[in-house]
């Protein structure tokens, strides 16, 4: 979650917002993460289930 992000709460918040943006835009999370490092770190830790 937001507070458990390896790079801290701020990065966790960014990752959550990036995931929401990807969903709104209809872009797969893994694809969106290629240009959004906070999301990439979150997906590496928790996956994209």
C-alpha atoms as a PDB file:
ATOM      1  CA  UNK A   1       0.000   0.000   0.000  1.00  0.00           C
ATOM      2  CA  UNK A   2       0.860   3.637   0.094  1.00  0.00           C
ATOM      3  CA  UNK A   3       2.737   3.492   3.413  1.00  0.00           C
ATOM      4  CA  UNK A   4       4.530   0.234   2.572  1.00  0.00           C
ATOM      5  CA  UNK A   5       6.126   1.476  -0.650  1.00  0.00           C
ATOM      6  CA  UNK A   6       9.879   0.753  -0.537  1.00  0.00           C
ATOM      7  CA  UNK A   7      10.674   4.409  -1.283  1.00  0.00           C
ATOM      8  CA  UNK A   8       8.313   5.844   1.330  1.00  0.00           C
ATOM      9  CA  UNK A   9       4.830   7.255   1.639  1.00  0.00           C
ATOM     10  CA  UNK A  10       5.292  10.008  -0.949  1.00  0.00           C
ATOM     11  CA  UNK A  11       6.396   7.492  -3.567  1.00  0.00           C
ATOM     12  CA  UNK A  12       3.514   5.238  -2.542  1.00  0.00           C
ATOM     13  CA  UNK A  13       1.078   8.072  -3.122  1.00  0.00           C
ATOM     14  CA  UNK A  14       2.600   8.758  -6.526  1.00  0.00           C
ATOM     15  CA  UNK A  15       2.388   5.064  -7.421  1.00  0.00           C
ATOM     16  CA  UNK A  16      -1.284   4.948  -6.445  1.00  0.00           C
ATOM     17  CA  UNK A  17      -2.033   8.013  -8.562  1.00  0.00           C
ATOM     18  CA  UNK A  18      -0.058   6.568 -11.474  1.00  0.00           C
ATOM     19  CA  UNK A  19      -2.031   3.323 -11.232  1.00  0.00           C
ATOM     20  CA  UNK A  20      -5.283   5.294 -11.268  1.00  0.00           C
ATOM     21  CA  UNK A  21      -4.108   7.310 -14.294  1.00  0.00           C
ATOM     22  CA  UNK A  22      -3.233   4.106 -16.133  1.00  0.00           C
ATOM     23  CA  UNK A  23      -6.670   2.660 -15.402  1.00  0.00           C
ATOM     24  CA  UNK A  24      -8.460   5.822 -16.529  1.00  0.00           C
ATOM     25  CA  UNK A  25      -6.416   5.908 -19.742  1.00  0.00           C
ATOM     26  CA  UNK A  26      -6.936   2.187 -20.355  1.00  0.00           C
ATOM     27  CA  UNK A  27      -3.194   1.479 -20.335  1.00  0.00           C
ATOM     28  CA  UNK A  28      -1.954  -1.747 -18.712  1.00  0.00           C
ATOM     29  CA  UNK A  29      -0.174  -1.028 -15.424  1.00  0.00           C
ATOM     30  CA  UNK A  30       3.068  -2.739 -16.497  1.00  0.00           C
ATOM     31  CA  UNK A  31       3.159  -0.674 -19.688  1.00  0.00           C
ATOM     32  CA  UNK A  32       2.499   2.579 -17.806  1.00  0.00           C
ATOM     33  CA  UNK A  33       5.152   1.678 -15.240  1.00  0.00           C
ATOM     34  CA  UNK A  34       7.840   1.766 -17.942  1.00  0.00           C
ATOM     35  CA  UNK A  35       7.782   5.566 -17.705  1.00  0.00           C
ATOM     36  CA  UNK A  36       6.594   5.911 -14.092  1.00  0.00           C
ATOM     37  CA  UNK A  37       9.273   4.688 -11.649  1.00  0.00           C
ATOM     38  CA  UNK A  38       7.201   4.782  -8.467  1.00  0.00           C
ATOM     39  CA  UNK A  39       4.611   2.512 -10.050  1.00  0.00           C
ATOM     40  CA  UNK A  40       7.351   0.224 -11.353  1.00  0.00           C
ATOM     41  CA  UNK A  41       8.758  -0.211  -7.836  1.00  0.00           C
ATOM     42  CA  UNK A  42       5.291  -0.935  -6.421  1.00  0.00           C
ATOM     43  CA  UNK A  43       4.582  -3.531  -9.103  1.00  0.00           C
ATOM     44  CA  UNK A  44       7.960  -5.159  -8.458  1.00  0.00           C
ATOM     45  CA  UNK A  45       7.053  -5.509  -4.769  1.00  0.00           C
ATOM     46  CA  UNK A  46       3.354  -6.419  -4.962  1.00  0.00           C
ATOM     47  CA  UNK A  47       2.723  -7.459  -8.550  1.00  0.00           C
ATOM     48  CA  UNK A  48      -0.187  -6.295 -10.643  1.00  0.00           C
ATOM     49  CA  UNK A  49      -2.952  -8.588  -9.454  1.00  0.00           C
END
